[in-house]
Protein backbone atom coordinates (compact mmCIF):
# COMPACT_ATOMS: atom_id res chain seq x y z
CA UNK A 1 -203.96 -100.84 -9.57
CA UNK A 2 -207.52 -99.79 -8.64
CA UNK A 3 -206.79 -100.38 -4.95
CA UNK A 4 -203.59 -98.37 -5.19
CA UNK A 5 -205.42 -95.42 -6.77
CA UNK A 6 -208.16 -95.58 -4.14
CA UNK A 7 -205.56 -95.59 -1.36
CA UNK A 8 -203.76 -92.66 -2.96
CA UNK A 9 -206.98 -90.62 -3.16
CA UNK A 10 -207.77 -91.42 0.48
CA UNK A 11 -204.29 -90.32 1.57
CA UNK A 12 -204.57 -87.10 -0.42
CA UNK A 13 -208.00 -86.36 1.06
CA UNK A 14 -206.67 -86.91 4.58
CA UNK A 15 -203.68 -84.67 3.92
CA UNK A 16 -205.92 -81.90 2.60
CA UNK A 17 -208.19 -82.12 5.65
CA UNK A 18 -205.24 -81.97 8.05
CA UNK A 19 -203.72 -79.01 6.26
CA UNK A 20 -206.80 -76.86 5.73
CA UNK A 21 -209.32 -77.70 8.49
CA UNK A 22 -207.68 -75.47 11.17
CA UNK A 23 -207.57 -72.50 8.80
CA UNK A 24 -211.25 -72.91 7.93
CA UNK A 25 -212.16 -72.22 11.56
CA UNK A 26 -211.51 -68.52 10.91
CA UNK A 27 -214.71 -66.56 11.54
CA UNK A 28 -216.38 -69.42 13.41
CA UNK A 29 -216.90 -68.99 17.17
CA UNK A 30 -215.52 -71.84 19.27
CA UNK A 31 -217.93 -74.59 20.23
CA UNK A 32 -218.29 -73.40 23.83
CA UNK A 33 -219.29 -69.90 22.66
CA UNK A 34 -222.27 -71.09 20.59
CA UNK A 35 -225.69 -70.37 22.11
CA UNK A 36 -228.94 -72.21 21.44
CA UNK A 37 -232.05 -70.11 20.76
CA UNK A 38 -230.55 -66.95 22.22
CA UNK A 39 -233.20 -64.23 22.84
CA UNK A 40 -232.77 -60.68 21.62
CA UNK A 41 -232.16 -57.73 23.95
CA UNK A 42 -235.89 -57.04 24.35
CA UNK A 43 -236.99 -60.58 25.11
CA UNK A 44 -234.14 -61.56 27.43
CA UNK A 45 -235.21 -59.34 30.37
CA UNK A 46 -238.80 -60.58 30.08
CA UNK A 47 -237.65 -64.20 30.29
CA UNK A 48 -235.41 -63.47 33.28
CA UNK A 49 -238.30 -61.75 35.07
CA UNK A 50 -240.68 -64.61 34.23
CA UNK A 51 -238.20 -67.04 35.76
CA UNK A 52 -238.50 -64.99 38.96
CA UNK A 53 -242.30 -65.05 38.78
CA UNK A 54 -242.74 -61.50 37.46
CA UNK A 55 -244.94 -61.15 34.37
CA UNK A 56 -244.82 -57.37 34.07
CA UNK A 57 -241.86 -57.13 31.62
CA UNK A 58 -243.49 -59.71 29.33
CA UNK A 59 -246.79 -57.84 29.52
CA UNK A 60 -245.08 -54.55 28.67
CA UNK A 61 -243.14 -56.10 25.79
CA UNK A 62 -246.24 -57.57 24.14
CA UNK A 63 -248.27 -54.43 24.78
CA UNK A 64 -245.59 -52.47 22.92
CA UNK A 65 -245.57 -54.80 19.92
CA UNK A 66 -249.36 -54.65 19.74
CA UNK A 67 -249.40 -50.85 19.97
CA UNK A 68 -246.76 -50.57 17.23
CA UNK A 69 -248.37 -53.26 15.06
CA UNK A 70 -245.00 -55.00 15.17
CA UNK A 71 -246.55 -58.32 14.28
CA UNK A 72 -243.39 -60.21 13.33
CA UNK A 73 -241.68 -59.58 16.65
CA UNK A 74 -244.94 -60.07 18.51
CA UNK A 75 -245.31 -63.56 17.05
CA UNK A 76 -241.70 -64.43 17.93
CA UNK A 77 -242.08 -63.18 21.48
CA UNK A 78 -245.40 -64.97 21.99
CA UNK A 79 -243.84 -68.21 20.75
CA UNK A 80 -240.78 -67.92 22.98
CA UNK A 81 -242.76 -66.90 26.06
CA UNK A 82 -245.14 -69.83 25.59
CA UNK A 83 -242.20 -72.20 25.12
CA UNK A 84 -240.77 -70.93 28.42
CA UNK A 85 -244.15 -71.35 30.11
CA UNK A 86 -244.26 -75.01 29.08
CA UNK A 87 -241.71 -75.64 31.82
CA UNK A 88 -242.53 -72.81 34.23
CA UNK A 89 -246.02 -71.30 33.93
CA UNK A 90 -246.70 -69.78 37.37
CA UNK A 91 -245.94 -66.29 36.06
CA UNK A 92 -248.39 -66.74 33.16
CA UNK A 93 -251.11 -68.12 35.44
CA UNK A 94 -250.68 -65.08 37.70
CA UNK A 95 -250.80 -62.72 34.72
CA UNK A 96 -253.95 -64.28 33.25
CA UNK A 97 -255.59 -64.24 36.66
CA UNK A 98 -254.74 -60.61 37.32
CA UNK A 99 -255.87 -59.41 33.87
CA UNK A 100 -258.47 -61.87 32.50
CA UNK A 101 -259.27 -59.79 29.42
CA UNK A 102 -255.68 -58.79 28.55
CA UNK A 103 -255.16 -59.59 24.84
CA UNK A 104 -251.44 -60.11 25.43
CA UNK A 105 -251.95 -62.66 28.17
CA UNK A 106 -254.72 -64.35 26.18
CA UNK A 107 -252.54 -64.88 23.10
CA UNK A 108 -249.73 -66.45 25.15
CA UNK A 109 -252.26 -68.68 26.94
CA UNK A 110 -253.67 -69.79 23.59
CA UNK A 111 -250.23 -70.51 22.15
CA UNK A 112 -249.25 -72.50 25.24
CA UNK A 113 -252.47 -74.54 25.16
CA UNK A 114 -251.97 -75.42 21.49
CA UNK A 115 -248.33 -76.37 22.07
CA UNK A 116 -249.30 -78.70 24.91
CA UNK A 117 -252.14 -80.22 22.94
CA UNK A 118 -249.80 -80.98 20.02
CA UNK A 119 -247.63 -83.04 22.36
CA UNK A 120 -250.56 -85.09 23.67
CA UNK A 121 -251.25 -88.62 22.39
CA UNK A 122 -254.87 -87.45 22.04
CA UNK A 123 -253.77 -84.52 19.90
CA UNK A 124 -256.90 -83.88 17.84
CA UNK A 125 -259.21 -84.09 20.83
CA UNK A 126 -257.02 -81.87 22.99
CA UNK A 127 -256.64 -79.33 20.21
CA UNK A 128 -260.41 -79.04 19.80
CA UNK A 129 -260.61 -78.10 23.47
CA UNK A 130 -258.27 -75.15 22.86
CA UNK A 131 -260.52 -73.56 20.23
CA UNK A 132 -262.28 -71.16 22.67
CA UNK A 133 -258.90 -69.88 23.90
CA UNK A 134 -257.87 -68.98 20.35
CA UNK A 135 -261.23 -67.33 19.73
CA UNK A 136 -260.83 -65.26 22.91
CA UNK A 137 -257.37 -64.07 21.86
CA UNK A 138 -258.62 -63.12 18.39
CA UNK A 139 -261.63 -61.23 19.75
CA UNK A 140 -259.51 -59.33 22.29
CA UNK A 141 -257.17 -57.96 19.57
CA UNK A 142 -259.11 -57.77 16.29
CA UNK A 143 -256.17 -56.47 14.24
CA UNK A 144 -253.61 -58.97 15.51
CA UNK A 145 -252.64 -61.75 13.04
CA UNK A 146 -250.92 -63.86 15.72
CA UNK A 147 -254.13 -65.54 17.01
CA UNK A 148 -254.88 -66.44 13.40
CA UNK A 149 -251.42 -67.97 12.99
CA UNK A 150 -252.21 -70.05 16.09
CA UNK A 151 -255.58 -70.92 14.51
CA UNK A 152 -253.80 -72.15 11.36
CA UNK A 153 -251.53 -74.42 13.44
CA UNK A 154 -254.61 -75.60 15.32
CA UNK A 155 -256.45 -76.36 12.09
CA UNK A 156 -253.63 -78.52 10.80
CA UNK A 157 -253.74 -80.64 13.95
CA UNK A 158 -257.53 -80.99 13.90
CA UNK A 159 -257.50 -82.16 10.27
CA UNK A 160 -259.41 -79.14 9.01
CA UNK A 161 -260.61 -79.31 5.42
CA UNK A 162 -258.96 -77.19 2.76
CA UNK A 163 -262.06 -74.98 2.69
CA UNK A 164 -261.94 -74.38 6.44
CA UNK A 165 -258.20 -73.72 6.30
CA UNK A 166 -258.58 -71.24 3.45
CA UNK A 167 -261.18 -69.31 5.48
CA UNK A 168 -258.70 -68.96 8.35
CA UNK A 169 -255.93 -68.02 5.94
CA UNK A 170 -258.08 -65.25 4.50
CA UNK A 171 -258.58 -63.79 7.98
CA UNK A 172 -254.85 -64.01 8.71
CA UNK A 173 -253.61 -62.24 5.57
CA UNK A 174 -256.37 -59.61 5.87
CA UNK A 175 -254.59 -58.49 9.04
CA UNK A 176 -251.02 -58.80 7.77
CA UNK A 177 -250.54 -59.82 4.11
CA UNK A 178 -246.86 -60.72 4.48
CA UNK A 179 -246.82 -62.13 8.00
CA UNK A 180 -244.06 -64.75 8.12
CA UNK A 181 -245.53 -66.94 10.85
CA UNK A 182 -248.87 -67.26 9.07
CA UNK A 183 -247.10 -68.19 5.85
CA UNK A 184 -245.07 -70.86 7.64
CA UNK A 185 -248.26 -72.29 9.16
CA UNK A 186 -249.87 -72.46 5.71
CA UNK A 187 -246.75 -74.04 4.20
CA UNK A 188 -246.82 -76.80 6.82
CA UNK A 189 -250.46 -77.54 6.03
CA UNK A 190 -249.60 -77.83 2.33
CA UNK A 191 -246.56 -80.06 2.85
CA UNK A 192 -246.50 -83.69 1.77
CA UNK A 193 -246.26 -84.68 5.43
CA UNK A 194 -249.72 -83.24 6.05
CA UNK A 195 -252.36 -82.39 3.44
CA UNK A 196 -250.51 -81.42 0.28
CA UNK A 197 -247.49 -82.41 -1.78
CA UNK A 198 -243.93 -81.27 -2.45
CA UNK A 199 -245.06 -79.46 -5.58
CA UNK A 200 -247.95 -77.68 -3.83
CA UNK A 201 -245.58 -76.67 -1.08
CA UNK A 202 -243.03 -75.21 -3.52
CA UNK A 203 -245.76 -73.50 -5.59
CA UNK A 204 -247.11 -71.70 -2.54
CA UNK A 205 -243.68 -70.78 -1.19
CA UNK A 206 -242.31 -69.49 -4.47
CA UNK A 207 -245.36 -67.34 -5.19
CA UNK A 208 -245.33 -65.90 -1.67
CA UNK A 209 -241.61 -65.10 -1.95
CA UNK A 210 -242.15 -63.40 -5.31
CA UNK A 211 -244.89 -61.22 -3.80
CA UNK A 212 -242.96 -60.42 -0.61
CA UNK A 213 -241.53 -57.07 0.30
CA UNK A 214 -237.74 -56.63 -0.09
CA UNK A 215 -235.94 -58.06 2.93
CA UNK A 216 -239.03 -59.88 4.18
CA UNK A 217 -238.46 -63.27 5.79
CA UNK A 218 -241.22 -64.56 3.52
CA UNK A 219 -238.52 -64.64 0.84
CA UNK A 220 -237.05 -67.57 2.76
CA UNK A 221 -240.28 -69.56 2.49
CA UNK A 222 -238.99 -71.64 -0.48
CA UNK A 223 -236.08 -72.91 1.61
CA UNK A 224 -238.63 -74.14 4.16
CA UNK A 225 -240.37 -75.94 1.30
CA UNK A 226 -237.00 -77.42 0.36
CA UNK A 227 -236.48 -78.56 3.94
CA UNK A 228 -239.93 -80.18 4.02
CA UNK A 229 -238.94 -82.15 0.95
CA UNK A 230 -235.51 -83.15 2.28
CA UNK A 231 -236.87 -84.00 5.73
CA UNK A 232 -239.04 -86.69 4.20
CA UNK A 233 -235.88 -88.67 3.44
CA UNK A 234 -235.11 -88.84 -0.23
CA UNK A 235 -237.96 -86.46 -0.99
CA UNK A 236 -239.74 -89.26 -2.79
CA UNK A 237 -238.73 -90.48 -6.24
CA UNK A 238 -235.73 -88.77 -7.83
CA UNK A 239 -236.87 -85.53 -9.42
CA UNK A 240 -234.48 -83.20 -11.26
CA UNK A 241 -237.21 -80.55 -11.24
CA UNK A 242 -237.54 -80.66 -7.45
CA UNK A 243 -233.74 -80.70 -7.14
CA UNK A 244 -233.59 -77.50 -9.19
CA UNK A 245 -236.32 -75.91 -7.07
CA UNK A 246 -234.46 -76.92 -3.91
CA UNK A 247 -231.23 -75.30 -5.14
CA UNK A 248 -233.07 -72.17 -6.29
CA UNK A 249 -234.69 -71.93 -2.86
CA UNK A 250 -231.27 -72.17 -1.22
CA UNK A 251 -229.94 -69.43 -3.55
CA UNK A 252 -232.78 -67.12 -2.55
CA UNK A 253 -232.18 -67.79 1.15
CA UNK A 254 -228.45 -67.11 0.74
CA UNK A 255 -229.27 -63.75 -0.85
CA UNK A 256 -231.65 -62.85 1.97
CA UNK A 257 -229.08 -63.89 4.58
CA UNK A 258 -226.41 -61.76 2.92
CA UNK A 259 -228.55 -58.61 3.27
CA UNK A 260 -229.37 -59.21 6.96
CA UNK A 261 -227.14 -58.17 9.87
CA UNK A 262 -224.50 -60.76 10.72
CA UNK A 263 -225.25 -62.85 13.80
CA UNK A 264 -228.82 -61.52 14.01
CA UNK A 265 -230.70 -63.80 16.44
CA UNK A 266 -234.00 -63.56 14.54
CA UNK A 267 -232.46 -64.26 11.14
CA UNK A 268 -230.54 -67.11 12.76
CA UNK A 269 -233.28 -69.69 12.20
CA UNK A 270 -233.32 -68.96 8.46
CA UNK A 271 -229.53 -69.23 8.35
CA UNK A 272 -229.51 -72.50 10.31
CA UNK A 273 -232.13 -73.89 7.96
CA UNK A 274 -230.23 -72.68 4.88
CA UNK A 275 -227.01 -74.24 6.17
CA UNK A 276 -228.79 -77.56 6.59
CA UNK A 277 -230.26 -77.51 3.07
CA UNK A 278 -226.87 -76.58 1.58
CA UNK A 279 -225.25 -79.38 3.58
CA UNK A 280 -227.70 -81.97 2.27
CA UNK A 281 -227.17 -80.67 -1.26
CA UNK A 282 -223.39 -81.02 -0.71
CA UNK A 283 -222.79 -77.33 -1.37
CA UNK A 284 -220.05 -77.33 1.24
CA UNK A 285 -218.37 -73.96 0.68
CA UNK A 286 -221.68 -72.09 0.72
CA UNK A 287 -222.78 -73.98 3.82
CA UNK A 288 -219.55 -72.98 5.59
CA UNK A 289 -220.15 -69.32 4.74
CA UNK A 290 -223.65 -69.60 6.18
CA UNK A 291 -222.23 -71.05 9.39
CA UNK A 292 -219.92 -68.02 9.58
CA UNK A 293 -222.92 -65.69 9.28
CA UNK A 294 -224.76 -67.68 11.96
CA UNK A 295 -221.92 -66.92 14.35
CA UNK A 296 -222.87 -67.98 17.90
CA UNK A 297 -226.63 -68.22 17.20
CA UNK A 298 -227.61 -71.87 16.79
CA UNK A 299 -231.34 -72.57 16.73
CA UNK A 300 -233.26 -75.68 17.74
CA UNK A 301 -234.93 -75.79 14.34
CA UNK A 302 -233.97 -77.62 12.17
CA UNK A 303 -231.45 -79.61 14.22
CA UNK A 304 -233.97 -80.86 16.80
CA UNK A 305 -235.72 -82.75 14.01
CA UNK A 306 -232.77 -85.15 13.91
CA UNK A 307 -231.47 -85.26 17.49
CA UNK A 308 -232.51 -84.72 21.09
CA UNK A 309 -229.35 -82.59 21.33
CA UNK A 310 -229.86 -79.83 18.73
CA UNK A 311 -226.79 -77.88 19.83
CA UNK A 312 -224.62 -80.97 19.50
CA UNK A 313 -226.17 -81.69 16.10
CA UNK A 314 -225.43 -78.13 14.99
CA UNK A 315 -221.78 -78.36 16.09
CA UNK A 316 -221.35 -81.75 14.41
CA UNK A 317 -222.82 -80.42 11.18
CA UNK A 318 -220.57 -77.36 11.27
CA UNK A 319 -217.49 -79.52 11.86
CA UNK A 320 -218.50 -81.89 9.06
CA UNK A 321 -218.86 -79.02 6.61
CA UNK A 322 -215.38 -77.76 7.49
CA UNK A 323 -213.91 -81.20 6.86
CA UNK A 324 -215.61 -81.47 3.50
CA UNK A 325 -214.43 -78.03 2.39
CA UNK A 326 -210.90 -78.88 3.54
CA UNK A 327 -210.93 -82.19 1.68
CA UNK A 328 -211.77 -80.43 -1.60
CA UNK A 329 -209.16 -77.68 -1.22
CA UNK A 330 -205.94 -78.36 -3.18
CA UNK A 331 -203.10 -79.49 -0.96
CA UNK A 332 -200.92 -76.71 -2.29
CA UNK A 333 -202.88 -73.55 -3.09
CA UNK A 334 -201.66 -70.89 -5.50
CA UNK A 335 -200.63 -68.74 -2.56
CA UNK A 336 -198.61 -71.59 -1.04
CA UNK A 337 -196.61 -72.08 -4.26
CA UNK A 338 -195.41 -68.50 -4.40
């Protein structure tokens, strides 16, 4: 009898998936239309020019963000330009050589050096060698928080004490109290993987989100704390309190996502992260809605943490969510019975 009931449930689940999965593709771009880490309209021309060896568009872009104190976009552009330079850096070498004191070139050079040092087997030693580059970038643009975000990442890798880290953090928030990148760097330092704990991580993230301006990406900081917990496997011993904090973090991220433009490439990372957390928490319907808001904008983070093919991981996760939603949808909906 038990086997018969199990078989019946399996057959019903399969029937529901076959009936509803195609319909649930509505609003989701096809697999071959999904892009990974797509740049926005301002960054794309700079990357194309850099690929051709021309640094001028990148220089102009960063000069504009610095002049407008557009620190959030500046940090994003610096990060993406440095990531591009990891593979092709001739344009950056030419830029730094032509303008040795340019604060925009200096901050990209510092970011690139730290990124490369992090990938070295001799990480701590290599990171210490990059300290003067970070100092030079900070001195060249005294109001810019981005060198201080780089300094926070650097401090984590060099095993800086809490006191030393707090001193850097004070300098960072003095320049931009709600800067998202600096908050993410601090959250990583406080995570259980590094020098804190799950509870410290959540405490910091939740307080920062409560203090954040409306619409600020800092409001998504708790979902990054939730990810840090989930990434560690089971998140340690079972904890209903941490489960509640994880779900509350996801709720806050859903609300932030709902108020942001659909298919926004810069909000995409938050949405990808939120979709992952919802998936792990088996909140299938909400995860599917987040995938719809993501549209064609997949991001390497968080999927690259689990696969060398982040785009493939994203597509597999999206397909899995659809199947789970379909399997829970009644075989005959109210509409179908009419």
